[in-house]
Amino acid sequence: MEHGSFTDNSVATFSLTDEDHTIANAVRFTLNQDPRVTFCGYSIPHPSEARVNIRVETTGDPAREVLKDACQNLMLMCRHVRCTFDKAVEDFKASNAVKAMKIDSQDSSGDDSEESE
């Protein structure tokens, strides 16, 4: 839900339901990276209420568009983190499989050397 001014669309407060500090802080961080944003902050009206209010003030661009851009940038960041994490897990599993094979081959070569002595 958007709470804004009819005369100035560069200033608005957006209410996100069923959200908390996790998404609000990430959106705030992303908005603050945008040079079009002059002010951004969020508040939670009451701890027992699952709602977040995000205030956006821009240099003149519509606050709604700036928020949309920030959310898209956040999605790209999350996608990058997920891909990086998945790749690291794959690399870790692959390297551990190789290490496990090397351990097995070292154990068998160690047994051979003891038997031949």
Protein backbone atom coordinates (compact mmCIF):
# COMPACT_ATOMS: atom_id res chain seq x y z
CA MET A 1 0.00 0.00 0.00
CA GLU A 2 1.33 3.40 -0.90
CA HIS A 3 0.74 6.48 1.24
CA GLY A 4 1.87 9.55 -0.62
CA SER A 5 1.02 13.01 -1.74
CA PHE A 6 -1.14 13.73 -4.76
CA THR A 7 0.92 16.82 -5.54
CA ASP A 8 4.46 15.44 -5.05
CA ASN A 9 5.09 11.89 -6.25
CA SER A 10 8.78 12.06 -5.26
CA VAL A 11 7.82 11.44 -1.63
CA ALA A 12 5.92 8.40 -0.40
CA THR A 13 5.58 5.88 2.40
CA PHE A 14 4.96 2.26 1.45
CA SER A 15 3.40 -0.27 3.83
CA LEU A 16 4.45 -3.88 3.37
CA THR A 17 2.31 -6.44 5.15
CA ASP A 18 3.60 -9.76 6.50
CA GLU A 19 7.17 -8.46 6.49
CA ASP A 20 9.76 -7.57 9.14
CA HIS A 21 13.26 -6.11 9.61
CA THR A 22 14.81 -8.66 7.24
CA ILE A 23 13.28 -7.34 4.03
CA ALA A 24 12.94 -3.75 5.26
CA ASN A 25 16.64 -3.38 6.04
CA ALA A 26 17.65 -4.97 2.74
CA VAL A 27 15.33 -2.64 0.78
CA ARG A 28 16.56 0.35 2.78
CA PHE A 29 20.17 -0.56 2.02
CA THR A 30 19.43 -0.94 -1.69
CA LEU A 31 17.50 2.33 -1.83
CA ASN A 32 20.34 4.19 -0.14
CA GLN A 33 22.70 3.01 -2.91
CA ASP A 34 20.57 4.87 -5.48
CA PRO A 35 21.75 8.45 -6.14
CA ARG A 36 18.13 9.49 -6.81
CA VAL A 37 17.25 8.86 -3.14
CA THR A 38 17.63 11.76 -0.73
CA PHE A 39 16.11 9.96 2.26
CA CYS A 40 15.06 6.42 3.01
CA GLY A 41 14.10 4.80 6.27
CA TYR A 42 11.75 2.24 7.67
CA SER A 43 9.76 1.66 10.81
CA ILE A 44 7.69 -1.10 12.29
CA PRO A 45 4.54 0.45 13.78
CA HIS A 46 4.15 -2.17 16.52
CA PRO A 47 6.15 -5.33 17.34
CA SER A 48 3.05 -7.53 17.31
CA GLU A 49 1.99 -6.24 13.89
CA ALA A 50 3.64 -7.86 10.86
CA ARG A 51 3.90 -4.65 8.88
CA VAL A 52 6.75 -2.40 7.77
CA ASN A 53 6.55 1.22 6.63
CA ILE A 54 9.27 2.32 4.21
CA ARG A 55 9.66 6.05 3.60
CA VAL A 56 11.25 7.13 0.31
CA GLU A 57 12.17 10.68 -0.71
CA THR A 58 13.82 11.27 -4.07
CA THR A 59 15.45 14.08 -6.02
CA GLY A 60 12.38 14.31 -8.25
CA ASP A 61 11.82 10.88 -9.74
CA PRO A 62 8.61 9.09 -8.70
CA ALA A 63 9.20 7.30 -5.40
CA ARG A 64 7.21 4.30 -6.64
CA GLU A 65 9.56 3.80 -9.61
CA VAL A 66 12.65 4.21 -7.45
CA LEU A 67 11.30 1.59 -5.02
CA LYS A 68 10.57 -0.79 -7.92
CA ASP A 69 14.13 -0.33 -9.21
CA ALA A 70 15.54 -0.97 -5.74
CA CYS A 71 13.51 -4.17 -5.41
CA GLN A 72 14.73 -5.35 -8.81
CA ASN A 73 18.34 -4.59 -7.80
CA LEU A 74 17.82 -6.50 -4.56
CA MET A 75 16.49 -9.48 -6.51
CA LEU A 76 19.59 -9.39 -8.73
CA MET A 77 21.84 -9.27 -5.67
CA CYS A 78 20.02 -12.23 -4.12
CA ARG A 79 20.28 -14.17 -7.37
CA HIS A 80 24.03 -13.47 -7.53
CA VAL A 81 24.52 -14.57 -3.91
CA ARG A 82 22.51 -17.74 -4.54
CA CYS A 83 24.49 -18.63 -7.69
CA THR A 84 27.78 -17.95 -5.93
CA PHE A 85 26.74 -20.09 -2.97
CA ASP A 86 25.52 -22.95 -5.18
CA LYS A 87 28.80 -22.89 -7.12
CA ALA A 88 30.82 -22.95 -3.90
CA VAL A 89 28.81 -25.93 -2.64
CA GLU A 90 29.38 -27.78 -5.93
CA ASP A 91 33.11 -27.01 -5.80
CA PHE A 92 33.28 -28.13 -2.18
CA LYS A 93 31.50 -31.41 -2.90
CA ALA A 94 33.71 -32.04 -5.92
CA SER A 95 36.92 -31.34 -4.00
CA ASN A 96 35.83 -33.53 -1.10
CA ALA A 97 35.04 -36.39 -3.47
CA VAL A 98 38.55 -36.09 -4.90
CA LYS A 99 40.05 -35.96 -1.41
CA ALA A 100 38.07 -39.02 -0.39
CA MET A 101 39.41 -40.88 -3.41
CA LYS A 102 42.96 -39.82 -2.59
CA ILE A 103 42.56 -40.98 1.01
CA ASP A 104 41.35 -44.38 -0.18
CA SER A 105 44.22 -44.72 -2.62
CA GLN A 106 46.74 -43.61 0.04
CA ASP A 107 45.37 -46.19 2.49
CA SER A 108 45.71 -48.99 -0.05
CA SER A 109 49.20 -47.88 -1.10
CA GLY A 110 50.18 -47.68 2.56
CA ASP A 111 49.01 -51.27 3.08
CA ASP A 112 50.99 -52.47 0.06
CA SER A 113 54.19 -50.90 1.34
CA GLU A 114 53.81 -52.52 4.74
CA GLU A 115 53.13 -55.96 3.23
CA SER A 116 56.12 -55.78 0.89
CA GLU A 117 58.52 -54.95 3.73
